[in-house]
N, C-alpha and C. Protein backbone atom coordinates (compact mmCIF):
# COMPACT_ATOMS: atom_id res chain seq x y z
N MET A 1 -3.72 -19.38 9.19
CA MET A 1 -4.38 -17.87 8.80
C MET A 1 -4.27 -17.39 7.44
N GLN A 2 -4.90 -17.16 6.91
CA GLN A 2 -4.76 -16.82 5.58
C GLN A 2 -4.51 -14.97 5.50
N LEU A 3 -3.60 -14.68 4.52
CA LEU A 3 -2.98 -13.21 4.35
C LEU A 3 -4.37 -12.63 4.64
N SER A 4 -5.48 -12.52 4.17
CA SER A 4 -6.77 -11.80 3.88
C SER A 4 -7.37 -11.70 5.26
N GLU A 5 -7.12 -12.70 5.70
CA GLU A 5 -7.90 -12.85 7.50
C GLU A 5 -6.98 -11.90 8.11
N ALA A 6 -5.61 -12.28 8.11
CA ALA A 6 -4.76 -11.42 8.88
C ALA A 6 -5.04 -9.90 8.79
N ALA A 7 -5.25 -9.42 7.35
CA ALA A 7 -5.20 -8.10 7.13
C ALA A 7 -6.65 -8.04 7.74
N ALA A 8 -7.69 -8.41 7.37
CA ALA A 8 -8.93 -7.90 8.00
C ALA A 8 -9.26 -7.97 9.25
N ARG A 9 -8.11 -8.56 10.39
CA ARG A 9 -8.50 -8.35 11.47
C ARG A 9 -7.42 -7.47 12.03
N LEU A 10 -6.11 -7.27 11.51
CA LEU A 10 -5.29 -6.25 11.67
C LEU A 10 -6.19 -4.67 11.18
N LEU A 11 -6.92 -4.82 10.53
CA LEU A 11 -7.49 -3.51 9.93
C LEU A 11 -8.68 -3.42 10.99
N ALA A 12 -9.41 -3.97 11.64
CA ALA A 12 -10.19 -4.03 12.59
C ALA A 12 -9.69 -3.43 14.06
N LEU A 13 -8.52 -3.63 13.95
CA LEU A 13 -7.84 -2.87 15.39
C LEU A 13 -7.93 -1.49 15.32
N LEU A 14 -7.18 -1.22 13.80
CA LEU A 14 -7.06 0.31 13.47
C LEU A 14 -8.29 0.98 12.61
N ASP A 15 -9.61 0.36 13.08
CA ASP A 15 -10.73 0.83 12.52
C ASP A 15 -11.27 2.18 13.17
N PRO A 16 -11.18 3.30 12.49
CA PRO A 16 -11.82 3.50 11.02
C PRO A 16 -10.29 4.46 10.62
N GLU A 17 -9.08 4.73 11.01
CA GLU A 17 -7.92 5.17 10.87
C GLU A 17 -6.96 4.55 9.74
N GLY A 18 -7.17 3.13 9.56
CA GLY A 18 -6.36 2.55 8.94
C GLY A 18 -6.82 1.99 7.57
N VAL A 19 -6.07 1.72 6.56
CA VAL A 19 -6.50 1.14 5.43
C VAL A 19 -5.46 0.37 4.59
N LEU A 20 -6.03 -0.28 4.03
CA LEU A 20 -4.71 -1.33 3.31
C LEU A 20 -4.13 -0.86 2.40
N ILE A 21 -2.91 -1.18 2.25
CA ILE A 21 -1.90 -0.28 0.95
C ILE A 21 -1.10 -1.90 0.89
N GLY A 22 0.05 -1.49 -0.40
CA GLY A 22 0.75 -2.49 -0.40
C GLY A 22 0.22 -3.69 -1.57
N GLY A 23 1.08 -4.80 -1.27
CA GLY A 23 0.91 -5.64 -2.22
C GLY A 23 -0.66 -6.23 -2.09
N ILE A 24 -1.33 -6.54 -0.81
CA ILE A 24 -2.76 -6.99 -0.91
C ILE A 24 -3.66 -5.99 -1.63
N CYS A 25 -3.60 -4.79 -1.27
CA CYS A 25 -4.23 -3.43 -1.92
C CYS A 25 -4.03 -3.68 -3.60
N GLY A 26 -2.80 -3.72 -3.95
CA GLY A 26 -2.61 -4.07 -5.25
C GLY A 26 -3.46 -5.23 -5.81
N ALA A 27 -3.17 -6.36 -5.13
CA ALA A 27 -3.91 -7.61 -5.57
C ALA A 27 -5.62 -7.37 -5.68
N VAL A 28 -5.94 -6.64 -4.60
CA VAL A 28 -7.61 -6.36 -5.20
C VAL A 28 -8.08 -5.53 -5.83
N TYR A 29 -7.28 -4.93 -6.71
CA TYR A 29 -7.18 -3.85 -7.79
C TYR A 29 -7.00 -4.66 -9.08
N GLY A 30 -6.40 -6.11 -8.83
CA GLY A 30 -6.35 -6.91 -9.89
C GLY A 30 -4.88 -7.09 -10.39
N VAL A 31 -3.79 -6.39 -9.51
CA VAL A 31 -2.25 -6.58 -10.05
C VAL A 31 -1.93 -8.18 -9.31
N GLU A 32 -1.45 -8.73 -10.50
CA GLU A 32 -1.04 -10.19 -10.15
C GLU A 32 0.47 -10.19 -9.55
N ARG A 33 0.51 -10.26 -8.25
CA ARG A 33 2.10 -10.35 -7.47
C ARG A 33 1.84 -11.14 -6.43
N PHE A 34 3.17 -11.66 -5.90
CA PHE A 34 3.23 -12.50 -4.84
C PHE A 34 3.63 -11.40 -3.44
N THR A 35 2.82 -11.82 -2.27
CA THR A 35 3.14 -10.90 -1.52
C THR A 35 3.28 -11.79 -0.19
N ARG A 36 4.04 -11.46 0.84
CA ARG A 36 3.73 -11.97 2.13
C ARG A 36 3.66 -11.43 3.23
N GLY A 37 3.38 -10.17 2.92
CA GLY A 37 2.66 -9.27 4.37
C GLY A 37 1.67 -8.47 4.44
N VAL A 38 1.05 -7.75 5.33
CA VAL A 38 0.25 -6.77 5.28
C VAL A 38 0.91 -5.51 5.64
N ASP A 39 0.44 -4.71 4.73
CA ASP A 39 0.68 -3.10 4.41
C ASP A 39 -0.36 -2.34 5.18
N ILE A 40 -0.40 -1.32 6.11
CA ILE A 40 -1.39 -0.60 6.61
C ILE A 40 -0.98 0.78 6.55
N ALA A 41 -1.61 1.85 6.16
CA ALA A 41 -1.64 3.21 6.67
C ALA A 41 -2.44 3.51 7.46
N ALA A 42 -2.29 4.61 8.22
CA ALA A 42 -2.94 4.82 9.35
C ALA A 42 -2.58 6.16 9.81
N ASP A 43 -3.59 6.90 9.98
CA ASP A 43 -4.13 8.23 10.81
C ASP A 43 -3.95 8.35 12.34
N LEU A 44 -2.96 7.42 12.84
CA LEU A 44 -3.04 7.35 14.17
C LEU A 44 -1.46 7.68 14.70
N ASP A 45 -1.28 7.75 15.90
CA ASP A 45 0.12 7.90 16.60
C ASP A 45 0.99 6.41 16.69
N PRO A 46 1.97 6.56 16.41
CA PRO A 46 2.74 4.85 16.65
C PRO A 46 2.21 4.39 17.77
N GLU A 47 2.24 5.30 19.19
CA GLU A 47 1.71 4.84 20.43
C GLU A 47 0.67 4.25 20.37
N VAL A 48 -0.57 4.96 20.00
CA VAL A 48 -1.86 4.27 19.70
C VAL A 48 -2.05 3.18 19.19
N ILE A 49 -0.97 3.05 17.91
CA ILE A 49 -1.19 1.77 17.15
C ILE A 49 -0.82 0.58 17.86
N MET A 50 0.51 0.63 18.58
CA MET A 50 0.91 -0.03 19.66
C MET A 50 0.12 -0.41 20.84
N GLN A 51 -0.57 0.22 21.36
CA GLN A 51 -1.55 0.04 22.62
C GLN A 51 -2.32 -0.82 21.96
N ARG A 52 -3.11 -0.23 20.77
CA ARG A 52 -4.49 -1.25 20.44
C ARG A 52 -3.80 -2.76 20.10
N LEU A 53 -2.38 -2.97 19.44
CA LEU A 53 -1.91 -3.98 19.17
C LEU A 53 -1.65 -4.96 20.44
N GLN A 54 -1.09 -4.05 21.49
CA GLN A 54 -0.89 -5.00 22.54
C GLN A 54 -2.13 -5.17 23.24
N HIS A 55 -3.25 -4.57 23.12
CA HIS A 55 -4.31 -4.66 23.69
C HIS A 55 -5.15 -6.01 23.46
N ALA A 56 -4.84 -6.45 22.11
CA ALA A 56 -5.16 -7.19 21.15
C ALA A 56 -4.12 -8.90 21.21
N GLY A 57 -2.90 -8.37 22.15
CA GLY A 57 -1.99 -9.55 22.28
C GLY A 57 -1.15 -9.62 21.11
N ILE A 58 -0.81 -8.86 20.52
CA ILE A 58 0.11 -8.62 19.19
C ILE A 58 1.20 -7.73 19.80
N ASP A 59 2.39 -8.52 19.42
CA ASP A 59 3.53 -7.69 19.81
C ASP A 59 4.10 -7.07 18.59
N SER A 60 4.58 -5.69 18.82
CA SER A 60 5.16 -4.95 17.92
C SER A 60 6.02 -4.03 18.15
N ASN A 61 6.72 -3.01 17.32
CA ASN A 61 7.87 -2.32 17.81
C ASN A 61 7.67 -1.13 16.86
N VAL A 62 8.11 -0.07 17.04
CA VAL A 62 8.00 1.15 16.06
C VAL A 62 9.54 1.74 16.20
N ARG A 63 9.69 1.74 14.72
CA ARG A 63 11.26 1.98 14.18
C ARG A 63 11.05 3.78 13.41
N ARG A 64 11.71 4.35 14.15
CA ARG A 64 11.76 6.12 13.82
C ARG A 64 13.12 6.37 12.91
N SER A 65 12.86 7.24 12.19
CA SER A 65 13.91 7.58 11.12
C SER A 65 13.51 9.46 11.13
N SER A 66 14.97 9.94 10.82
CA SER A 66 15.03 11.44 10.79
C SER A 66 15.82 11.29 9.48
N GLU A 67 15.66 10.24 8.75
CA GLU A 67 16.73 9.92 7.31
C GLU A 67 16.50 11.09 6.75
N PRO A 68 16.72 11.87 5.65
CA PRO A 68 15.95 12.29 4.26
C PRO A 68 15.30 11.25 3.64
N GLY A 69 14.27 11.23 3.23
CA GLY A 69 13.74 10.19 2.36
C GLY A 69 12.85 9.01 3.11
N ASP A 70 13.27 8.78 4.30
CA ASP A 70 12.52 7.93 5.07
C ASP A 70 11.26 8.26 6.01
N LEU A 71 10.61 7.36 6.03
CA LEU A 71 9.04 7.76 6.80
C LEU A 71 9.57 7.93 8.22
N SER A 72 9.00 8.68 8.96
CA SER A 72 9.38 9.29 10.37
C SER A 72 9.12 7.81 11.14
N TRP A 73 8.32 7.18 10.97
CA TRP A 73 8.09 6.26 11.54
C TRP A 73 7.29 4.85 10.98
N GLY A 74 7.31 3.52 11.67
CA GLY A 74 6.78 2.43 11.25
C GLY A 74 6.52 1.33 12.31
N VAL A 75 5.27 1.29 12.40
CA VAL A 75 5.03 -0.12 13.51
C VAL A 75 5.25 -1.34 12.84
N HIS A 76 6.01 -2.49 13.18
CA HIS A 76 6.30 -3.53 12.66
C HIS A 76 5.97 -4.64 13.57
N GLY A 77 5.64 -5.54 13.39
CA GLY A 77 5.34 -6.63 13.98
C GLY A 77 4.94 -8.37 13.17
N GLN A 78 4.28 -9.26 13.68
CA GLN A 78 4.07 -10.07 13.29
C GLN A 78 2.47 -10.98 13.86
N PHE A 79 1.90 -11.29 12.88
CA PHE A 79 0.66 -11.65 13.85
C PHE A 79 0.57 -13.03 12.63
N GLU A 80 0.15 -13.77 13.91
CA GLU A 80 0.06 -15.54 13.48
C GLU A 80 0.57 -15.78 12.27
N ASN A 81 2.06 -15.31 12.75
CA ASN A 81 3.31 -15.60 11.63
C ASN A 81 3.17 -15.12 10.66
N ILE A 82 2.64 -13.93 10.58
CA ILE A 82 2.57 -13.27 8.92
C ILE A 82 2.94 -11.63 9.52
N ASP A 83 3.92 -11.31 8.85
CA ASP A 83 4.54 -10.05 8.97
C ASP A 83 3.86 -8.85 8.28
N PHE A 84 3.81 -7.78 9.30
CA PHE A 84 2.88 -6.44 9.04
C PHE A 84 3.51 -5.65 9.41
N GLN A 85 3.03 -4.15 8.66
CA GLN A 85 3.75 -2.74 8.86
C GLN A 85 2.24 -1.87 9.09
N VAL A 86 2.51 -0.87 9.96
CA VAL A 86 1.51 -0.03 9.68
C VAL A 86 2.39 1.35 9.49
N LEU A 87 2.06 2.18 8.67
CA LEU A 87 2.88 3.37 8.21
C LEU A 87 2.10 4.72 8.02
N PRO A 88 2.68 5.85 8.34
CA PRO A 88 2.16 7.25 8.42
C PRO A 88 1.17 7.08 7.30
N ALA A 89 0.06 7.64 7.42
CA ALA A 89 -0.83 7.58 6.12
C ALA A 89 -0.58 9.13 5.43
N SER A 90 -0.31 9.92 6.17
CA SER A 90 0.02 11.31 5.89
C SER A 90 1.12 11.01 5.23
N GLU A 91 2.44 10.41 5.41
CA GLU A 91 3.59 10.63 4.52
C GLU A 91 3.66 9.52 3.39
N THR A 92 2.70 8.64 3.31
CA THR A 92 2.53 7.89 2.21
C THR A 92 1.67 8.21 1.01
N GLY A 93 1.13 9.35 1.27
CA GLY A 93 0.27 9.64 0.04
C GLY A 93 -1.36 9.25 0.35
N ILE A 94 -1.45 8.64 1.59
CA ILE A 94 -2.80 8.03 1.85
C ILE A 94 -3.89 8.88 2.51
N SER A 95 -5.30 8.94 2.32
CA SER A 95 -6.05 9.64 3.24
C SER A 95 -6.94 8.47 3.59
N SER A 96 -7.17 8.20 4.92
CA SER A 96 -7.51 7.00 5.57
C SER A 96 -9.50 7.37 5.21
N GLY A 97 -9.51 8.40 4.96
CA GLY A 97 -11.03 8.78 4.65
C GLY A 97 -11.56 8.86 3.44
N MET A 98 -10.51 8.22 2.44
CA MET A 98 -10.78 7.89 1.15
C MET A 98 -10.33 6.53 1.01
N PHE A 99 -11.45 5.64 1.06
CA PHE A 99 -11.16 4.25 0.94
C PHE A 99 -12.58 3.97 -0.12
N GLU A 100 -12.01 2.21 -0.54
CA GLU A 100 -12.77 1.55 -0.83
C GLU A 100 -13.08 0.17 -0.24
N ILE A 101 -14.20 -0.17 -0.23
CA ILE A 101 -14.42 -2.07 0.42
C ILE A 101 -14.26 -2.95 -0.80
N ARG A 102 -13.26 -3.73 -0.72
CA ARG A 102 -13.38 -4.34 -1.73
C ARG A 102 -12.68 -5.73 -1.25
N ALA A 103 -13.41 -6.92 -1.57
CA ALA A 103 -13.31 -8.26 -1.28
C ALA A 103 -13.31 -8.31 0.37
N GLY A 104 -14.14 -7.39 0.81
CA GLY A 104 -14.37 -7.21 2.30
C GLY A 104 -13.62 -6.62 3.24
N LEU A 105 -12.53 -6.03 2.48
CA LEU A 105 -11.31 -5.50 3.02
C LEU A 105 -11.19 -3.77 2.73
N ARG A 106 -10.77 -3.12 3.65
CA ARG A 106 -10.80 -1.53 3.60
C ARG A 106 -9.54 -1.17 3.04
N VAL A 107 -9.95 -0.75 1.94
CA VAL A 107 -8.52 -0.45 0.75
C VAL A 107 -8.27 0.82 0.63
N ALA A 108 -7.08 1.46 0.44
CA ALA A 108 -7.03 3.05 -0.08
C ALA A 108 -7.76 2.94 -1.26
N ASP A 109 -8.28 4.30 -1.61
CA ASP A 109 -8.63 4.62 -3.03
C ASP A 109 -7.49 4.52 -3.98
N ILE A 110 -7.96 3.93 -5.10
CA ILE A 110 -7.10 3.67 -6.15
C ILE A 110 -6.09 4.94 -6.55
N ARG A 111 -6.50 6.28 -6.60
CA ARG A 111 -5.49 7.02 -6.83
C ARG A 111 -4.76 7.31 -5.60
N ASP A 112 -5.31 7.36 -4.40
CA ASP A 112 -4.24 7.37 -2.88
C ASP A 112 -3.20 6.23 -3.46
N PHE A 113 -3.60 4.93 -3.83
CA PHE A 113 -2.73 3.60 -3.82
C PHE A 113 -1.66 4.27 -4.82
N ILE A 114 -2.15 4.91 -6.14
CA ILE A 114 -1.17 4.98 -7.09
C ILE A 114 0.00 6.41 -6.30
N THR A 115 -0.65 7.19 -5.73
CA THR A 115 0.37 8.18 -5.13
C THR A 115 1.52 7.40 -4.32
N SER A 116 0.80 6.54 -3.56
CA SER A 116 1.61 5.69 -2.46
C SER A 116 2.75 5.33 -3.33
N LYS A 117 2.40 4.68 -4.36
CA LYS A 117 3.38 3.84 -5.14
C LYS A 117 4.47 4.69 -5.72
N CYS A 118 4.17 5.79 -6.40
CA CYS A 118 5.08 6.81 -6.77
C CYS A 118 5.92 7.49 -5.60
N ILE A 119 5.47 7.50 -4.63
CA ILE A 119 6.16 8.08 -3.11
C ILE A 119 7.23 6.98 -2.88
N ALA A 120 6.75 5.94 -3.06
CA ALA A 120 7.98 4.81 -2.44
C ALA A 120 9.02 4.46 -3.91
N ALA A 121 8.27 4.80 -5.40
CA ALA A 121 8.97 4.40 -6.51
C ALA A 121 9.79 3.59 -6.50
N GLY A 122 9.62 2.09 -6.18
CA GLY A 122 10.54 0.99 -6.44
C GLY A 122 10.27 0.48 -7.61
N GLN A 123 11.04 -0.51 -8.39
CA GLN A 123 10.50 -0.97 -9.55
C GLN A 123 9.38 -1.68 -9.47
N GLN A 124 8.95 -2.43 -8.10
CA GLN A 124 7.75 -3.41 -8.02
C GLN A 124 6.42 -2.48 -8.18
N ASP A 125 6.89 -1.05 -7.50
CA ASP A 125 5.76 -0.15 -7.22
C ASP A 125 5.23 0.53 -8.29
N MET A 126 6.28 0.57 -9.70
CA MET A 126 6.04 1.24 -10.87
C MET A 126 5.38 -0.11 -12.04
N HIS A 127 6.00 -1.33 -11.21
CA HIS A 127 5.12 -2.30 -11.93
C HIS A 127 3.71 -2.11 -11.69
N ASP A 128 3.68 -1.93 -10.43
CA ASP A 128 1.99 -2.24 -9.80
C ASP A 128 1.21 -1.07 -10.80
N ILE A 129 1.65 0.01 -10.66
CA ILE A 129 1.07 1.40 -11.46
C ILE A 129 0.63 0.80 -12.85
N ALA A 130 1.81 0.61 -13.50
CA ALA A 130 1.74 0.23 -15.23
C ALA A 130 0.50 -0.92 -15.32
N ALA A 131 0.41 -2.14 -13.94
CA ALA A 131 -0.67 -3.03 -14.47
C ALA A 131 -1.83 -2.21 -14.36
N ILE A 132 -1.98 -1.21 -13.39
CA ILE A 132 -3.23 -0.94 -13.31
C ILE A 132 -3.89 -0.15 -14.19
N CYS A 133 -2.68 0.93 -14.95
CA CYS A 133 -2.93 1.57 -15.90
C CYS A 133 -3.30 0.74 -17.38
N LEU A 134 -2.90 -0.07 -16.85
CA LEU A 134 -3.19 -1.20 -18.33
C LEU A 134 -4.86 -2.04 -18.25
N MET A 135 -5.18 -2.13 -16.84
CA MET A 135 -6.36 -2.62 -16.94
C MET A 135 -7.35 -1.47 -16.97
N GLN A 136 -6.94 -0.13 -16.46
CA GLN A 136 -7.82 1.16 -16.14
C GLN A 136 -7.28 2.33 -16.94
N PRO A 137 -7.05 2.09 -18.21
CA PRO A 137 -6.51 3.18 -19.12
C PRO A 137 -6.68 4.71 -18.55
N GLU A 138 -8.04 4.63 -17.97
CA GLU A 138 -8.55 6.24 -17.38
C GLU A 138 -7.98 6.74 -16.37
N LEU A 139 -6.78 5.45 -15.93
CA LEU A 139 -6.11 6.37 -14.77
C LEU A 139 -4.48 6.55 -15.26
N GLU A 140 -4.04 6.42 -16.63
CA GLU A 140 -3.11 6.57 -17.17
C GLU A 140 -2.32 7.81 -17.02
N ALA A 141 -3.19 8.99 -17.45
CA ALA A 141 -3.13 10.21 -17.22
C ALA A 141 -2.38 10.67 -15.65
N PHE A 142 -3.36 10.21 -14.96
CA PHE A 142 -3.20 10.65 -13.84
C PHE A 142 -1.92 10.12 -13.24
N SER A 143 -1.78 8.67 -13.43
CA SER A 143 -0.40 7.98 -12.73
C SER A 143 0.98 8.60 -13.47
N ARG A 144 0.75 9.19 -14.94
CA ARG A 144 1.86 9.75 -15.38
C ARG A 144 2.38 11.49 -14.40
N ASP A 145 1.24 12.13 -14.37
CA ASP A 145 1.14 13.15 -13.68
C ASP A 145 1.66 13.14 -12.33
N CYS A 146 1.48 11.88 -11.64
CA CYS A 146 1.84 11.78 -9.84
C CYS A 146 3.27 11.43 -10.24
N ALA A 147 3.38 10.27 -11.06
CA ALA A 147 5.07 9.90 -11.35
C ALA A 147 6.16 11.00 -11.75
N ALA A 148 5.28 11.75 -12.58
CA ALA A 148 6.27 13.16 -12.77
C ALA A 148 6.99 13.77 -11.35
N HIS A 149 5.67 14.07 -10.98
CA HIS A 149 5.47 14.90 -9.43
C HIS A 149 6.49 14.41 -8.77
N TYR A 150 6.42 13.05 -8.78
CA TYR A 150 7.36 12.32 -7.72
C TYR A 150 9.14 11.72 -8.40
N ARG A 151 9.14 12.39 -9.77
CA ARG A 151 10.66 11.64 -10.32
C ARG A 151 10.48 10.34 -10.52
N CYS A 152 9.54 9.69 -10.99
CA CYS A 152 9.76 8.16 -11.01
C CYS A 152 8.97 8.02 -12.40
N LEU A 153 8.88 8.99 -13.32
CA LEU A 153 7.75 8.83 -14.69
C LEU A 153 8.63 7.80 -15.38
N ALA A 154 10.34 7.98 -15.77
CA ALA A 154 11.38 7.21 -16.56
C ALA A 154 10.77 5.50 -15.86
N THR A 155 10.65 5.36 -15.13
CA THR A 155 10.56 3.98 -14.64
C THR A 155 9.42 3.79 -14.74
N LEU A 156 7.88 4.20 -14.72
CA LEU A 156 6.81 4.08 -14.98
C LEU A 156 6.77 3.53 -16.58
N GLU A 157 7.18 4.61 -17.10
CA GLU A 157 7.44 4.45 -18.62
C GLU A 157 7.69 3.14 -19.25
N SER A 158 8.75 2.82 -18.43
CA SER A 158 9.52 1.68 -18.81
C SER A 158 8.54 0.36 -18.71
N TRP A 159 7.86 0.44 -17.69
CA TRP A 159 6.65 -0.69 -17.29
C TRP A 159 5.86 -0.33 -17.89
N LEU A 160 5.46 0.49 -18.67
CA LEU A 160 3.92 0.55 -19.50
C LEU A 160 4.72 -0.17 -20.81
N ASP A 161 5.85 0.29 -21.28
CA ASP A 161 5.94 -0.24 -22.44
C ASP A 161 6.67 -1.46 -22.51
N ASP A 162 6.76 -2.30 -21.30
CA ASP A 162 7.07 -3.73 -21.27
C ASP A 162 5.95 -4.73 -21.81
N ARG A 163 6.36 -5.32 -23.26
CA ARG A 163 5.35 -6.35 -23.73
C ARG A 163 4.93 -7.40 -22.91
N ARG A 164 6.02 -7.90 -22.02
CA ARG A 164 5.30 -8.99 -21.36
C ARG A 164 4.08 -8.70 -20.23
N LEU A 165 4.24 -7.28 -19.73
CA LEU A 165 3.24 -6.73 -18.79
C LEU A 165 1.96 -6.45 -19.87
N GLN A 166 2.32 -6.05 -21.01
CA GLN A 166 1.23 -5.95 -21.75
C GLN A 166 0.39 -6.94 -22.00
N GLN A 167 0.88 -7.94 -22.36
CA GLN A 167 0.55 -9.25 -22.88
C GLN A 167 -0.45 -9.86 -21.74
N ARG A 168 0.48 -9.68 -20.51
CA ARG A 168 -0.22 -10.04 -19.07
C ARG A 168 -1.60 -9.55 -19.01
N TYR A 169 -1.85 -7.96 -19.05
CA TYR A 169 -3.00 -7.22 -18.57
C TYR A 169 -3.88 -6.65 -19.78
N LEU A 170 -3.62 -6.79 -20.76
CA LEU A 170 -4.35 -6.56 -21.89
C LEU A 170 -4.81 -7.78 -22.92
N SER A 171 -4.59 -8.90 -22.25
CA SER A 171 -4.84 -10.32 -23.39
C SER A 171 -6.22 -10.60 -22.25
């Protein structure tokens, strides 16, 4: 099974409260990068998510955290040998009501996607935002403001200044 097919089937189980985020969402928006898993944000309780998955014959577990900076929960599992996680939309900057259908998949709105990447604030996240800004310059001001709000602007700026990234996305 292909990653996109697994994503579509998992999204169908969480419809209409789930949207695709993470690497696949970035790829749908044109970011070139490798990903092995499916990341979904959902406006559902983790128990409801696990019930829906169990009803479809998919094993999963919920991980909870009360540590500062961690998400309060995440549902993790494997579907057809593909790792997936479902995360709380409200904590990841995602509104499941704001989405686009791209490549046949329900993906987070691009501004929500950028916000979710700023909340996570890892190197790969900032790389993804910079790539989007290079492809869609009209999103750069929003991205910079969002990154400043989540205190990751310096990392985003270093990626925006990266010549290799500029060559890849501006050529």
